[in-house]
């Protein structure tokens, strides 16, 4: 958990790797304390969004006609790759917002303070 804010520290403040780990640890302890639990829902949301693709793949492989295998598998894989890219981008944006919030004490534009307060909670 202490390395959660390393990438934003590297990018936003241009720190080196060791300084970024130190800054991430310091900011998380300052804001939420020593025992933290991530409270994000990205994984669950994107898992649910990916289920139709997995169901289509399973259906095509079990019941589908062989002529549909390649197009449906290609669509499912393309959809899952696109979904992974969107999830990664949104997670990184949220991570950077959380970094700026812990560093400056103010929620960045577009992010409610309450959302950032609840993003990480004491264990």
N, C-alpha and C. Protein backbone atom coordinates (compact mmCIF):
# COMPACT_ATOMS: atom_id res chain seq x y z
N UNK A 1 0.83 -1.19 0.00
CA UNK A 1 0.00 0.00 0.00
C UNK A 1 0.88 1.26 0.00
N UNK A 2 2.03 1.16 0.63
CA UNK A 2 2.88 2.35 0.74
C UNK A 2 3.46 2.79 -0.61
N UNK A 3 3.42 1.93 -1.60
CA UNK A 3 3.92 2.31 -2.92
C UNK A 3 2.80 2.79 -3.84
N UNK A 4 1.60 2.92 -3.33
CA UNK A 4 0.45 3.26 -4.16
C UNK A 4 0.61 4.61 -4.86
N UNK A 5 1.24 5.56 -4.23
CA UNK A 5 1.37 6.90 -4.81
C UNK A 5 2.74 7.15 -5.44
N UNK A 6 3.50 6.08 -5.69
CA UNK A 6 4.84 6.24 -6.25
C UNK A 6 4.80 6.79 -7.68
N UNK A 7 3.97 6.24 -8.53
CA UNK A 7 3.93 6.69 -9.93
C UNK A 7 3.56 8.17 -10.04
N UNK A 8 2.50 8.62 -9.32
CA UNK A 8 2.23 10.06 -9.39
C UNK A 8 3.38 10.90 -8.85
N UNK A 9 4.07 10.43 -7.82
CA UNK A 9 5.21 11.19 -7.29
C UNK A 9 6.32 11.27 -8.33
N UNK A 10 6.54 10.19 -9.05
CA UNK A 10 7.56 10.18 -10.11
C UNK A 10 7.18 11.16 -11.22
N UNK A 11 5.91 11.15 -11.63
CA UNK A 11 5.48 11.95 -12.77
C UNK A 11 5.22 13.40 -12.39
N UNK A 12 4.42 13.62 -11.35
CA UNK A 12 4.01 14.98 -11.00
C UNK A 12 5.16 15.80 -10.44
N UNK A 13 5.90 15.21 -9.51
CA UNK A 13 6.97 15.96 -8.84
C UNK A 13 8.37 15.64 -9.37
N UNK A 14 8.47 14.74 -10.33
CA UNK A 14 9.77 14.42 -10.93
C UNK A 14 10.78 13.82 -9.96
N UNK A 15 10.31 13.09 -8.97
CA UNK A 15 11.21 12.48 -7.97
C UNK A 15 11.86 11.24 -8.55
N UNK A 16 12.95 10.84 -7.91
CA UNK A 16 13.57 9.57 -8.22
C UNK A 16 12.80 8.45 -7.53
N UNK A 17 13.10 7.20 -7.86
CA UNK A 17 12.34 6.08 -7.31
C UNK A 17 12.36 5.99 -5.78
N UNK A 18 13.51 6.14 -5.17
CA UNK A 18 13.58 6.02 -3.71
C UNK A 18 12.88 7.18 -3.02
N UNK A 19 13.05 8.38 -3.55
CA UNK A 19 12.35 9.54 -2.99
C UNK A 19 10.84 9.40 -3.16
N UNK A 20 10.41 8.82 -4.28
CA UNK A 20 8.98 8.66 -4.54
C UNK A 20 8.36 7.67 -3.55
N UNK A 21 9.06 6.58 -3.25
CA UNK A 21 8.56 5.62 -2.26
C UNK A 21 8.46 6.28 -0.90
N UNK A 22 9.47 7.03 -0.55
CA UNK A 22 9.48 7.74 0.73
C UNK A 22 8.33 8.75 0.81
N UNK A 23 8.13 9.50 -0.26
CA UNK A 23 7.05 10.50 -0.28
C UNK A 23 5.68 9.82 -0.21
N UNK A 24 5.52 8.74 -0.94
CA UNK A 24 4.25 8.01 -0.92
C UNK A 24 3.94 7.51 0.49
N UNK A 25 4.92 6.92 1.13
CA UNK A 25 4.74 6.41 2.50
C UNK A 25 4.40 7.55 3.45
N UNK A 26 5.12 8.63 3.34
CA UNK A 26 4.91 9.78 4.24
C UNK A 26 3.51 10.38 4.04
N UNK A 27 3.09 10.54 2.80
CA UNK A 27 1.79 11.13 2.53
C UNK A 27 0.65 10.24 3.00
N UNK A 28 0.76 8.95 2.76
CA UNK A 28 -0.31 8.05 3.21
C UNK A 28 -0.39 7.99 4.72
N UNK A 29 0.75 7.95 5.40
CA UNK A 29 0.73 7.93 6.87
C UNK A 29 0.18 9.22 7.42
N UNK A 30 0.57 10.34 6.81
CA UNK A 30 0.10 11.65 7.27
C UNK A 30 -1.41 11.77 7.14
N UNK A 31 -1.95 11.23 6.06
CA UNK A 31 -3.36 11.40 5.77
C UNK A 31 -4.24 10.34 6.43
N UNK A 32 -3.82 9.08 6.39
CA UNK A 32 -4.71 8.02 6.87
C UNK A 32 -4.14 7.16 7.99
N UNK A 33 -2.89 7.30 8.32
CA UNK A 33 -2.32 6.49 9.39
C UNK A 33 -1.53 5.30 8.86
N UNK A 34 -1.19 4.38 9.77
CA UNK A 34 -0.30 3.27 9.42
C UNK A 34 -1.01 2.06 8.79
N UNK A 35 -2.19 1.73 9.25
CA UNK A 35 -2.87 0.55 8.73
C UNK A 35 -3.97 0.99 7.78
N UNK A 36 -3.74 0.74 6.51
CA UNK A 36 -4.64 1.23 5.47
C UNK A 36 -5.24 0.08 4.69
N UNK A 37 -6.42 0.30 4.19
CA UNK A 37 -7.08 -0.65 3.32
C UNK A 37 -7.61 0.12 2.12
N UNK A 38 -7.30 -0.36 0.95
CA UNK A 38 -7.81 0.28 -0.26
C UNK A 38 -9.32 0.10 -0.33
N UNK A 39 -10.01 1.13 -0.75
CA UNK A 39 -11.46 1.11 -0.77
C UNK A 39 -11.96 1.46 -2.18
N UNK A 40 -11.25 0.98 -3.20
CA UNK A 40 -11.59 1.31 -4.57
C UNK A 40 -12.53 0.26 -5.15
N UNK A 41 -13.34 0.66 -6.10
CA UNK A 41 -14.27 -0.25 -6.75
C UNK A 41 -13.97 -0.46 -8.22
N UNK A 42 -12.80 -0.06 -8.68
CA UNK A 42 -12.49 -0.19 -10.10
C UNK A 42 -12.57 -1.65 -10.56
N UNK A 43 -11.99 -2.55 -9.80
CA UNK A 43 -11.94 -3.95 -10.20
C UNK A 43 -13.32 -4.56 -10.36
N UNK A 44 -14.20 -4.29 -9.42
CA UNK A 44 -15.54 -4.86 -9.47
C UNK A 44 -16.34 -4.31 -10.66
N UNK A 45 -16.24 -3.02 -10.89
CA UNK A 45 -16.99 -2.40 -11.99
C UNK A 45 -16.52 -2.96 -13.32
N UNK A 46 -15.22 -3.03 -13.53
CA UNK A 46 -14.72 -3.49 -14.81
C UNK A 46 -14.84 -5.00 -14.98
N UNK A 47 -14.86 -5.73 -13.88
CA UNK A 47 -15.16 -7.16 -13.95
C UNK A 47 -16.58 -7.35 -14.49
N UNK A 48 -17.51 -6.58 -13.93
CA UNK A 48 -18.90 -6.67 -14.38
C UNK A 48 -19.05 -6.27 -15.85
N UNK A 49 -18.31 -5.23 -16.26
CA UNK A 49 -18.38 -4.80 -17.66
C UNK A 49 -17.76 -5.83 -18.60
N UNK A 50 -16.81 -6.63 -18.11
CA UNK A 50 -16.16 -7.63 -18.95
C UNK A 50 -16.90 -8.95 -19.03
N UNK A 51 -17.85 -9.17 -18.13
CA UNK A 51 -18.59 -10.44 -18.12
C UNK A 51 -19.28 -10.78 -19.45
N UNK A 52 -19.93 -9.83 -20.11
CA UNK A 52 -20.57 -10.20 -21.38
C UNK A 52 -19.59 -10.78 -22.41
N UNK A 53 -18.38 -10.26 -22.44
CA UNK A 53 -17.39 -10.78 -23.39
C UNK A 53 -17.00 -12.21 -23.03
N UNK A 54 -16.81 -12.46 -21.74
CA UNK A 54 -16.45 -13.83 -21.32
C UNK A 54 -17.60 -14.80 -21.55
N UNK A 55 -18.81 -14.36 -21.32
CA UNK A 55 -19.98 -15.21 -21.57
C UNK A 55 -20.09 -15.53 -23.06
N UNK A 56 -19.85 -14.54 -23.91
CA UNK A 56 -19.90 -14.76 -25.36
C UNK A 56 -18.83 -15.76 -25.80
N UNK A 57 -17.64 -15.63 -25.25
CA UNK A 57 -16.55 -16.55 -25.60
C UNK A 57 -16.92 -17.97 -25.18
N UNK A 58 -17.40 -18.14 -23.97
CA UNK A 58 -17.77 -19.48 -23.49
C UNK A 58 -18.90 -20.06 -24.33
N UNK A 59 -19.90 -19.24 -24.62
CA UNK A 59 -21.03 -19.72 -25.43
C UNK A 59 -20.57 -20.16 -26.82
N UNK A 60 -19.75 -19.35 -27.45
CA UNK A 60 -19.29 -19.67 -28.81
C UNK A 60 -18.46 -20.95 -28.80
N UNK A 61 -17.62 -21.11 -27.80
CA UNK A 61 -16.77 -22.30 -27.76
C UNK A 61 -17.56 -23.56 -27.42
N UNK A 62 -18.63 -23.43 -26.66
CA UNK A 62 -19.41 -24.60 -26.25
C UNK A 62 -20.54 -24.90 -27.24
N UNK A 63 -21.29 -23.88 -27.61
CA UNK A 63 -22.50 -24.10 -28.41
C UNK A 63 -22.44 -23.51 -29.82
N UNK A 64 -21.55 -22.58 -30.03
CA UNK A 64 -21.57 -21.82 -31.28
C UNK A 64 -21.12 -22.59 -32.49
N UNK A 65 -21.48 -22.03 -33.64
CA UNK A 65 -21.04 -22.61 -34.91
C UNK A 65 -19.58 -22.26 -35.14
N UNK A 66 -18.81 -23.15 -35.69
CA UNK A 66 -17.39 -22.87 -35.93
C UNK A 66 -17.14 -21.63 -36.78
N UNK A 67 -18.06 -21.30 -37.66
CA UNK A 67 -17.86 -20.12 -38.52
C UNK A 67 -17.93 -18.81 -37.72
N UNK A 68 -18.50 -18.86 -36.52
CA UNK A 68 -18.61 -17.66 -35.68
C UNK A 68 -17.46 -17.54 -34.67
N UNK A 69 -16.67 -18.57 -34.54
CA UNK A 69 -15.60 -18.55 -33.54
C UNK A 69 -14.66 -17.37 -33.70
N UNK A 70 -14.11 -17.21 -34.88
CA UNK A 70 -13.09 -16.17 -35.09
C UNK A 70 -13.66 -14.76 -34.93
N UNK A 71 -14.80 -14.42 -35.56
CA UNK A 71 -15.29 -13.04 -35.38
C UNK A 71 -15.70 -12.73 -33.94
N UNK A 72 -16.37 -13.64 -33.28
CA UNK A 72 -16.81 -13.36 -31.92
C UNK A 72 -15.63 -13.32 -30.97
N UNK A 73 -14.68 -14.22 -31.14
CA UNK A 73 -13.48 -14.19 -30.30
C UNK A 73 -12.69 -12.90 -30.54
N UNK A 74 -12.60 -12.46 -31.79
CA UNK A 74 -11.89 -11.22 -32.09
C UNK A 74 -12.58 -10.01 -31.45
N UNK A 75 -13.90 -9.97 -31.53
CA UNK A 75 -14.65 -8.88 -30.90
C UNK A 75 -14.50 -8.91 -29.38
N UNK A 76 -14.57 -10.09 -28.80
CA UNK A 76 -14.46 -10.21 -27.34
C UNK A 76 -13.07 -9.78 -26.87
N UNK A 77 -12.04 -10.23 -27.56
CA UNK A 77 -10.68 -9.86 -27.18
C UNK A 77 -10.47 -8.36 -27.35
N UNK A 78 -10.94 -7.80 -28.46
CA UNK A 78 -10.83 -6.35 -28.68
C UNK A 78 -11.55 -5.56 -27.60
N UNK A 79 -12.74 -6.01 -27.23
CA UNK A 79 -13.51 -5.35 -26.17
C UNK A 79 -12.78 -5.42 -24.84
N UNK A 80 -12.23 -6.58 -24.51
CA UNK A 80 -11.52 -6.73 -23.24
C UNK A 80 -10.24 -5.89 -23.20
N UNK A 81 -9.55 -5.78 -24.32
CA UNK A 81 -8.36 -4.93 -24.39
C UNK A 81 -8.75 -3.46 -24.21
N UNK A 82 -9.80 -3.03 -24.89
CA UNK A 82 -10.29 -1.66 -24.75
C UNK A 82 -10.71 -1.39 -23.30
N UNK A 83 -11.41 -2.32 -22.71
CA UNK A 83 -11.85 -2.19 -21.32
C UNK A 83 -10.66 -2.07 -20.38
N UNK A 84 -9.62 -2.87 -20.62
CA UNK A 84 -8.41 -2.81 -19.78
C UNK A 84 -7.72 -1.46 -19.92
N UNK A 85 -7.69 -0.90 -21.13
CA UNK A 85 -7.07 0.41 -21.34
C UNK A 85 -7.85 1.50 -20.62
N UNK A 86 -9.18 1.45 -20.72
CA UNK A 86 -10.01 2.45 -20.03
C UNK A 86 -9.84 2.34 -18.53
N UNK A 87 -9.85 1.10 -18.01
CA UNK A 87 -9.68 0.91 -16.56
C UNK A 87 -8.33 1.45 -16.11
N UNK A 88 -7.29 1.16 -16.84
CA UNK A 88 -5.96 1.63 -16.48
C UNK A 88 -5.89 3.16 -16.48
N UNK A 89 -6.46 3.77 -17.50
CA UNK A 89 -6.44 5.24 -17.58
C UNK A 89 -7.22 5.86 -16.43
N UNK A 90 -8.42 5.36 -16.15
CA UNK A 90 -9.23 5.91 -15.07
C UNK A 90 -8.57 5.70 -13.71
N UNK A 91 -7.97 4.55 -13.52
CA UNK A 91 -7.29 4.26 -12.26
C UNK A 91 -6.10 5.20 -12.06
N UNK A 92 -5.36 5.45 -13.13
CA UNK A 92 -4.20 6.35 -13.03
C UNK A 92 -4.64 7.78 -12.75
N UNK A 93 -5.71 8.22 -13.39
CA UNK A 93 -6.24 9.57 -13.12
C UNK A 93 -6.65 9.69 -11.66
N UNK A 94 -7.36 8.68 -11.17
CA UNK A 94 -7.79 8.70 -9.77
C UNK A 94 -6.59 8.67 -8.83
N UNK A 95 -5.60 7.86 -9.15
CA UNK A 95 -4.38 7.76 -8.34
C UNK A 95 -3.66 9.11 -8.28
N UNK A 96 -3.55 9.79 -9.39
CA UNK A 96 -2.91 11.11 -9.41
C UNK A 96 -3.73 12.13 -8.62
N UNK A 97 -5.04 12.05 -8.72
CA UNK A 97 -5.90 12.95 -7.93
C UNK A 97 -5.72 12.70 -6.45
N UNK A 98 -5.63 11.44 -6.07
CA UNK A 98 -5.41 11.10 -4.67
C UNK A 98 -4.05 11.60 -4.20
N UNK A 99 -3.05 11.51 -5.06
CA UNK A 99 -1.72 12.02 -4.72
C UNK A 99 -1.76 13.53 -4.49
N UNK A 100 -2.39 14.26 -5.41
CA UNK A 100 -2.48 15.71 -5.26
C UNK A 100 -3.28 16.09 -4.00
N UNK A 101 -4.30 15.31 -3.69
CA UNK A 101 -5.10 15.56 -2.49
C UNK A 101 -4.26 15.36 -1.22
N UNK A 102 -3.49 14.29 -1.18
CA UNK A 102 -2.67 14.04 0.02
C UNK A 102 -1.53 15.04 0.12
N UNK A 103 -0.99 15.45 -1.01
CA UNK A 103 0.13 16.39 -1.00
C UNK A 103 -0.31 17.81 -0.63
N UNK A 104 -1.43 18.26 -1.23
CA UNK A 104 -1.84 19.65 -1.07
C UNK A 104 -2.96 19.86 -0.06
N UNK A 105 -3.66 18.78 0.28
CA UNK A 105 -4.77 18.89 1.23
C UNK A 105 -6.06 19.40 0.62
N UNK A 106 -6.09 19.57 -0.70
CA UNK A 106 -7.29 20.03 -1.39
C UNK A 106 -7.62 19.06 -2.51
N UNK A 107 -8.90 18.80 -2.67
CA UNK A 107 -9.34 17.90 -3.74
C UNK A 107 -9.16 18.59 -5.09
N UNK A 108 -8.56 17.91 -6.07
CA UNK A 108 -8.44 18.48 -7.41
C UNK A 108 -9.81 18.72 -8.03
N UNK A 109 -9.87 19.61 -8.98
CA UNK A 109 -11.11 19.95 -9.67
C UNK A 109 -11.76 18.69 -10.24
N UNK A 110 -13.04 18.52 -9.95
CA UNK A 110 -13.77 17.38 -10.48
C UNK A 110 -13.84 16.18 -9.55
N UNK A 111 -13.13 16.23 -8.42
CA UNK A 111 -13.13 15.13 -7.46
C UNK A 111 -13.65 15.62 -6.12
N UNK A 112 -14.80 15.10 -5.68
CA UNK A 112 -15.32 15.52 -4.37
C UNK A 112 -14.37 15.08 -3.24
N UNK A 113 -14.19 15.95 -2.27
CA UNK A 113 -13.31 15.67 -1.14
C UNK A 113 -13.73 14.39 -0.43
N UNK A 114 -15.03 14.17 -0.27
CA UNK A 114 -15.52 12.97 0.41
C UNK A 114 -15.10 11.69 -0.30
N UNK A 115 -15.09 11.72 -1.63
CA UNK A 115 -14.67 10.54 -2.41
C UNK A 115 -13.21 10.22 -2.11
N UNK A 116 -12.37 11.23 -2.09
CA UNK A 116 -10.95 11.02 -1.83
C UNK A 116 -10.71 10.62 -0.37
N UNK A 117 -11.51 11.16 0.54
CA UNK A 117 -11.39 10.77 1.96
C UNK A 117 -11.69 9.29 2.14
N UNK A 118 -12.67 8.78 1.39
CA UNK A 118 -13.09 7.38 1.54
C UNK A 118 -12.29 6.42 0.66
N UNK A 119 -11.40 6.93 -0.18
CA UNK A 119 -10.65 6.07 -1.10
C UNK A 119 -9.75 5.11 -0.35
N UNK A 120 -9.19 5.55 0.74
CA UNK A 120 -8.33 4.73 1.58
C UNK A 120 -8.81 4.93 3.01
N UNK A 121 -9.00 3.83 3.73
CA UNK A 121 -9.53 3.93 5.09
C UNK A 121 -8.59 3.22 6.06
N UNK A 122 -8.71 3.59 7.32
CA UNK A 122 -7.94 2.90 8.36
C UNK A 122 -8.44 1.49 8.54
N UNK A 123 -7.52 0.56 8.69
CA UNK A 123 -7.90 -0.85 8.84
C UNK A 123 -8.48 -1.12 10.22
